């Protein structure tokens, strides 16, 4: 075999591999359904602990900047440009995102002192 025929075989193999990769990618991709005026949650970039929120929001989508990028605005009119892979459609039954607040926990000290007769 000559060198040009090896090149052609390698080229054909590369084209075939790209077609297989393309079919697999197109089968698993989900189209985004984000429109201007929708409310969305934005995924946090930094790693979080297991119980922490992974998304913040809600934000309002103000512009579709094409190529999967959107301009969002919060309730204080701060804007941000975010790619669609970091946005999640906002759905809430209550109309707001639940916020975790520190509450006043009941002290366990009286129950610990009771067996000792110090209460």
N, C-alpha and C. Protein backbone atom coordinates (compact mmCIF):
# COMPACT_ATOMS: atom_id res chain seq x y z
N UNK A 1 0.85 -1.19 0.00
CA UNK A 1 0.00 0.00 0.00
C UNK A 1 0.88 1.24 0.00
N UNK A 2 0.37 2.25 -0.64
CA UNK A 2 1.10 3.51 -0.70
C UNK A 2 0.68 4.40 0.46
N UNK A 3 1.47 5.43 0.71
CA UNK A 3 1.18 6.38 1.78
C UNK A 3 -0.14 7.11 1.56
N UNK A 4 -0.47 7.58 0.34
CA UNK A 4 -1.77 8.25 0.15
C UNK A 4 -2.96 7.35 0.48
N UNK A 5 -2.86 6.04 0.23
CA UNK A 5 -3.99 5.16 0.55
C UNK A 5 -4.16 5.03 2.07
N UNK A 6 -3.06 5.03 2.84
CA UNK A 6 -3.16 5.03 4.30
C UNK A 6 -3.83 6.32 4.80
N UNK A 7 -3.48 7.40 4.17
CA UNK A 7 -4.10 8.69 4.54
C UNK A 7 -5.60 8.65 4.29
N UNK A 8 -5.99 8.09 3.16
CA UNK A 8 -7.42 8.02 2.83
C UNK A 8 -8.15 7.11 3.82
N UNK A 9 -7.55 6.01 4.21
CA UNK A 9 -8.16 5.10 5.18
C UNK A 9 -8.31 5.80 6.53
N UNK A 10 -7.27 6.53 6.96
CA UNK A 10 -7.33 7.27 8.22
C UNK A 10 -8.40 8.36 8.15
N UNK A 11 -8.48 9.05 7.02
CA UNK A 11 -9.49 10.10 6.85
C UNK A 11 -10.90 9.50 6.92
N UNK A 12 -11.13 8.41 6.22
CA UNK A 12 -12.45 7.76 6.24
C UNK A 12 -12.83 7.30 7.64
N UNK A 13 -11.85 6.76 8.38
CA UNK A 13 -12.10 6.33 9.75
C UNK A 13 -12.47 7.53 10.64
N UNK A 14 -11.80 8.66 10.44
CA UNK A 14 -12.12 9.88 11.20
C UNK A 14 -13.52 10.38 10.91
N UNK A 15 -13.92 10.35 9.65
CA UNK A 15 -15.27 10.78 9.27
C UNK A 15 -16.31 9.86 9.89
N UNK A 16 -16.07 8.57 9.85
CA UNK A 16 -17.01 7.60 10.43
C UNK A 16 -17.14 7.80 11.94
N UNK A 17 -16.01 8.05 12.62
CA UNK A 17 -16.03 8.29 14.07
C UNK A 17 -16.83 9.55 14.40
N UNK A 18 -16.65 10.61 13.63
CA UNK A 18 -17.40 11.85 13.87
C UNK A 18 -18.90 11.64 13.67
N UNK A 19 -19.28 10.84 12.69
CA UNK A 19 -20.70 10.55 12.48
C UNK A 19 -21.29 9.79 13.67
N UNK A 20 -20.55 8.82 14.19
CA UNK A 20 -21.02 8.06 15.36
C UNK A 20 -21.15 8.97 16.57
N UNK A 21 -20.13 9.82 16.80
CA UNK A 21 -20.19 10.77 17.92
C UNK A 21 -21.36 11.73 17.77
N UNK A 22 -21.59 12.19 16.56
CA UNK A 22 -22.69 13.13 16.30
C UNK A 22 -24.04 12.48 16.58
N UNK A 23 -24.22 11.25 16.15
CA UNK A 23 -25.49 10.55 16.41
C UNK A 23 -25.72 10.36 17.91
N UNK A 24 -24.69 9.99 18.65
CA UNK A 24 -24.82 9.79 20.09
C UNK A 24 -25.14 11.12 20.79
N UNK A 25 -24.45 12.19 20.42
CA UNK A 25 -24.69 13.50 21.04
C UNK A 25 -26.11 13.99 20.75
N UNK A 26 -26.54 13.89 19.51
CA UNK A 26 -27.87 14.38 19.14
C UNK A 26 -28.98 13.55 19.77
N UNK A 27 -28.70 12.30 20.12
CA UNK A 27 -29.70 11.45 20.76
C UNK A 27 -29.90 11.84 22.22
N UNK A 28 -28.85 12.31 22.89
CA UNK A 28 -28.93 12.59 24.32
C UNK A 28 -29.19 14.05 24.65
N UNK A 29 -29.11 14.95 23.69
CA UNK A 29 -29.27 16.38 23.99
C UNK A 29 -30.75 16.72 24.18
N UNK A 30 -31.02 17.63 25.13
CA UNK A 30 -32.38 18.09 25.38
C UNK A 30 -32.48 19.55 24.94
N UNK A 31 -33.44 19.88 24.10
CA UNK A 31 -33.58 21.28 23.69
C UNK A 31 -34.07 22.14 24.86
N UNK A 32 -33.57 23.34 24.97
CA UNK A 32 -33.97 24.27 26.03
C UNK A 32 -35.22 25.02 25.59
N UNK A 33 -36.14 25.22 26.53
CA UNK A 33 -37.39 25.91 26.22
C UNK A 33 -37.48 27.20 27.02
N UNK A 34 -36.45 28.02 26.97
CA UNK A 34 -36.42 29.27 27.72
C UNK A 34 -36.79 30.40 26.77
N UNK A 35 -37.75 31.23 27.21
CA UNK A 35 -38.20 32.35 26.41
C UNK A 35 -38.05 33.64 27.21
N UNK A 36 -38.04 34.75 26.52
CA UNK A 36 -38.01 36.05 27.19
C UNK A 36 -39.26 36.19 28.05
N UNK A 37 -39.08 36.60 29.30
CA UNK A 37 -40.18 36.74 30.23
C UNK A 37 -40.34 35.57 31.18
N UNK A 38 -39.64 34.47 30.93
CA UNK A 38 -39.69 33.30 31.82
C UNK A 38 -38.91 33.57 33.10
N UNK A 39 -39.31 32.90 34.17
CA UNK A 39 -38.55 32.94 35.41
C UNK A 39 -37.68 31.69 35.46
N UNK A 40 -36.41 31.88 35.87
CA UNK A 40 -35.46 30.78 35.89
C UNK A 40 -34.65 30.81 37.19
N UNK A 41 -34.04 29.68 37.50
CA UNK A 41 -33.07 29.58 38.58
C UNK A 41 -31.70 29.42 37.95
N UNK A 42 -30.67 30.01 38.59
CA UNK A 42 -29.31 29.93 38.06
C UNK A 42 -28.50 28.98 38.93
N UNK A 43 -27.80 28.05 38.29
CA UNK A 43 -26.96 27.10 39.01
C UNK A 43 -25.72 27.81 39.52
N UNK A 44 -25.32 27.49 40.75
CA UNK A 44 -24.12 28.07 41.33
C UNK A 44 -22.88 27.44 40.72
N UNK A 45 -21.84 28.24 40.56
CA UNK A 45 -20.60 27.73 39.98
C UNK A 45 -19.78 26.98 41.01
N UNK A 46 -19.66 27.55 42.20
CA UNK A 46 -18.81 26.94 43.22
C UNK A 46 -19.44 25.67 43.76
N UNK A 47 -18.60 24.77 44.15
CA UNK A 47 -19.07 23.50 44.70
C UNK A 47 -19.75 23.75 46.04
N UNK A 48 -20.82 23.04 46.28
CA UNK A 48 -21.56 23.23 47.52
C UNK A 48 -21.57 21.92 48.30
N UNK A 49 -21.96 22.03 49.56
CA UNK A 49 -22.09 20.83 50.38
C UNK A 49 -23.34 20.07 49.96
N UNK A 50 -23.52 18.90 50.48
CA UNK A 50 -24.63 18.05 50.08
C UNK A 50 -26.00 18.62 50.34
N UNK A 51 -26.18 19.39 51.41
CA UNK A 51 -27.50 19.89 51.77
C UNK A 51 -27.74 21.33 51.35
N UNK A 52 -26.75 21.99 50.80
CA UNK A 52 -26.90 23.39 50.40
C UNK A 52 -27.66 23.49 49.08
N UNK A 53 -28.26 24.66 48.85
CA UNK A 53 -28.95 24.89 47.58
C UNK A 53 -27.94 24.92 46.45
N UNK A 54 -28.28 24.32 45.33
CA UNK A 54 -27.40 24.32 44.18
C UNK A 54 -27.81 25.40 43.18
N UNK A 55 -28.97 26.00 43.38
CA UNK A 55 -29.48 27.03 42.48
C UNK A 55 -29.93 28.24 43.29
N UNK A 56 -29.86 29.41 42.66
CA UNK A 56 -30.34 30.64 43.28
C UNK A 56 -31.33 31.30 42.33
N UNK A 57 -32.17 32.15 42.89
CA UNK A 57 -33.13 32.85 42.04
C UNK A 57 -34.41 33.10 42.78
N UNK A 58 -35.47 33.41 42.13
CA UNK A 58 -35.67 33.37 40.68
C UNK A 58 -35.16 34.63 39.99
N UNK A 59 -34.85 34.48 38.72
CA UNK A 59 -34.44 35.57 37.85
C UNK A 59 -35.42 35.65 36.70
N UNK A 60 -35.51 36.82 36.09
CA UNK A 60 -36.38 37.03 34.93
C UNK A 60 -35.51 37.10 33.69
N UNK A 61 -35.84 36.34 32.66
CA UNK A 61 -35.10 36.37 31.40
C UNK A 61 -35.54 37.60 30.62
N UNK A 62 -34.58 38.50 30.32
CA UNK A 62 -34.92 39.74 29.61
C UNK A 62 -34.54 39.70 28.14
N UNK A 63 -33.50 38.94 27.78
CA UNK A 63 -33.06 38.90 26.38
C UNK A 63 -32.53 37.52 26.03
N UNK A 64 -32.78 37.12 24.79
CA UNK A 64 -32.15 35.93 24.23
C UNK A 64 -30.99 36.43 23.38
N UNK A 65 -29.76 36.19 23.81
CA UNK A 65 -28.57 36.69 23.11
C UNK A 65 -28.07 35.70 22.06
N UNK A 66 -28.84 34.68 21.77
CA UNK A 66 -28.53 33.64 20.78
C UNK A 66 -27.37 32.77 21.23
N UNK A 67 -27.16 31.68 20.53
CA UNK A 67 -26.13 30.69 20.86
C UNK A 67 -26.28 30.16 22.28
N UNK A 68 -27.50 30.14 22.82
CA UNK A 68 -27.74 29.57 24.13
C UNK A 68 -27.43 30.48 25.30
N UNK A 69 -27.17 31.76 25.05
CA UNK A 69 -26.86 32.71 26.12
C UNK A 69 -28.06 33.62 26.33
N UNK A 70 -28.36 33.87 27.62
CA UNK A 70 -29.50 34.71 27.97
C UNK A 70 -29.07 35.80 28.94
N UNK A 71 -29.77 36.92 28.89
CA UNK A 71 -29.56 37.97 29.88
C UNK A 71 -30.68 37.84 30.90
N UNK A 72 -30.29 37.78 32.19
CA UNK A 72 -31.27 37.64 33.26
C UNK A 72 -31.14 38.81 34.21
N UNK A 73 -32.22 39.11 34.92
CA UNK A 73 -32.23 40.21 35.87
C UNK A 73 -32.87 39.74 37.16
N UNK A 74 -32.33 40.19 38.31
CA UNK A 74 -32.92 39.83 39.60
C UNK A 74 -33.89 40.91 40.05
N UNK A 75 -34.40 40.79 41.28
CA UNK A 75 -35.40 41.74 41.75
C UNK A 75 -34.80 43.10 42.10
N UNK A 76 -33.46 43.23 42.11
CA UNK A 76 -32.80 44.52 42.35
C UNK A 76 -32.25 45.12 41.06
N UNK A 77 -32.70 44.63 39.92
CA UNK A 77 -32.30 45.06 38.58
C UNK A 77 -30.82 44.84 38.28
N UNK A 78 -30.18 43.87 38.92
CA UNK A 78 -28.82 43.47 38.56
C UNK A 78 -28.92 42.49 37.40
N UNK A 79 -28.16 42.73 36.34
CA UNK A 79 -28.23 41.86 35.17
C UNK A 79 -27.01 40.95 35.11
N UNK A 80 -27.19 39.83 34.41
CA UNK A 80 -26.11 38.86 34.24
C UNK A 80 -26.36 38.14 32.93
N UNK A 81 -25.28 37.75 32.27
CA UNK A 81 -25.38 36.95 31.05
C UNK A 81 -24.97 35.53 31.40
N UNK A 82 -25.86 34.59 31.11
CA UNK A 82 -25.66 33.21 31.54
C UNK A 82 -26.00 32.28 30.39
N UNK A 83 -25.21 31.21 30.26
CA UNK A 83 -25.50 30.20 29.24
C UNK A 83 -26.64 29.32 29.73
N UNK A 84 -27.37 28.76 28.79
CA UNK A 84 -28.56 27.97 29.12
C UNK A 84 -28.25 26.72 29.92
N UNK A 85 -27.03 26.22 29.86
CA UNK A 85 -26.72 25.01 30.63
C UNK A 85 -26.66 25.29 32.13
N UNK A 86 -26.66 26.57 32.54
CA UNK A 86 -26.69 26.91 33.97
C UNK A 86 -28.07 27.40 34.41
N UNK A 87 -29.06 27.37 33.52
CA UNK A 87 -30.40 27.85 33.86
C UNK A 87 -31.37 26.68 33.95
N UNK A 88 -32.27 26.79 34.92
CA UNK A 88 -33.32 25.79 35.13
C UNK A 88 -34.64 26.53 35.19
N UNK A 89 -35.64 25.99 34.53
CA UNK A 89 -36.96 26.62 34.56
C UNK A 89 -37.48 26.69 35.99
N UNK A 90 -37.97 27.85 36.37
CA UNK A 90 -38.45 28.07 37.74
C UNK A 90 -39.88 27.56 37.86
N UNK A 91 -40.10 26.63 38.77
CA UNK A 91 -41.44 26.10 39.03
C UNK A 91 -41.64 26.06 40.53
N UNK A 92 -42.65 26.76 41.01
CA UNK A 92 -42.92 26.74 42.44
C UNK A 92 -44.42 26.78 42.66
N UNK A 93 -44.88 25.94 43.55
CA UNK A 93 -46.31 25.92 43.87
C UNK A 93 -46.69 27.10 44.74
N UNK A 94 -45.71 27.62 45.48
CA UNK A 94 -46.01 28.67 46.44
C UNK A 94 -45.71 30.06 45.91
N UNK A 95 -45.08 30.17 44.77
CA UNK A 95 -44.78 31.47 44.20
C UNK A 95 -43.48 32.08 44.69
N UNK A 96 -42.69 31.35 45.45
CA UNK A 96 -41.40 31.86 45.91
C UNK A 96 -40.44 30.70 46.15
N UNK A 97 -39.17 31.04 46.22
CA UNK A 97 -38.16 30.04 46.53
C UNK A 97 -38.05 29.94 48.04
N UNK A 98 -38.15 28.75 48.60
CA UNK A 98 -38.01 28.63 50.05
C UNK A 98 -36.62 29.05 50.49
N UNK A 99 -36.55 29.82 51.56
CA UNK A 99 -35.27 30.29 52.08
C UNK A 99 -35.00 29.61 53.41
N UNK A 100 -33.77 29.20 53.60
CA UNK A 100 -33.38 28.58 54.86
C UNK A 100 -32.98 29.69 55.81
N UNK A 101 -33.59 29.71 56.98
CA UNK A 101 -33.27 30.72 57.98
C UNK A 101 -32.87 30.01 59.26
N UNK A 102 -31.97 30.66 59.98
CA UNK A 102 -31.60 30.10 61.27
C UNK A 102 -32.70 30.45 62.25
N UNK A 103 -33.20 29.46 62.91
CA UNK A 103 -34.25 29.68 63.89
C UNK A 103 -33.70 29.52 65.29
N UNK A 104 -34.53 29.74 66.28
CA UNK A 104 -34.10 29.55 67.65
C UNK A 104 -34.45 28.12 68.05
N UNK A 105 -33.44 27.32 68.14
CA UNK A 105 -33.65 25.93 68.52
C UNK A 105 -33.91 25.84 70.02
N UNK A 106 -34.72 24.88 70.39
CA UNK A 106 -35.00 24.67 71.81
C UNK A 106 -33.75 24.13 72.50
N UNK A 107 -33.41 24.66 73.62
CA UNK A 107 -32.21 24.24 74.34
C UNK A 107 -32.41 22.85 74.92
N UNK A 108 -31.37 22.04 74.85
CA UNK A 108 -31.42 20.69 75.43
C UNK A 108 -30.84 20.67 76.83
N UNK A 109 -30.39 21.81 77.30
CA UNK A 109 -29.77 21.86 78.63
C UNK A 109 -30.71 21.43 79.75
N UNK A 110 -32.00 21.87 79.80
CA UNK A 110 -32.87 21.42 80.88
C UNK A 110 -33.04 19.90 80.92
N UNK A 111 -33.14 19.26 79.77
CA UNK A 111 -33.30 17.81 79.77
C UNK A 111 -32.04 17.10 80.23
N UNK A 112 -30.89 17.73 80.07
CA UNK A 112 -29.64 17.13 80.54
C UNK A 112 -29.47 17.32 82.05
N UNK A 113 -30.00 18.42 82.58
CA UNK A 113 -29.84 18.70 84.00
C UNK A 113 -30.88 17.99 84.86
N UNK A 114 -32.03 17.62 84.28
CA UNK A 114 -33.11 16.99 85.04
C UNK A 114 -32.67 15.70 85.74
N UNK A 115 -31.96 14.77 85.07
CA UNK A 115 -31.54 13.55 85.77
C UNK A 115 -30.57 13.82 86.93
N UNK A 116 -29.89 14.94 86.88
CA UNK A 116 -28.94 15.26 87.94
C UNK A 116 -29.61 15.96 89.12
N UNK A 117 -30.90 16.27 88.99
CA UNK A 117 -31.63 16.91 90.07
C UNK A 117 -31.27 18.38 90.26
N UNK A 118 -30.80 19.02 89.22
CA UNK A 118 -30.41 20.43 89.33
C UNK A 118 -31.43 21.36 88.72
N UNK A 119 -32.59 20.94 88.47
CA UNK A 119 -33.58 21.80 87.85
C UNK A 119 -34.71 22.12 88.78
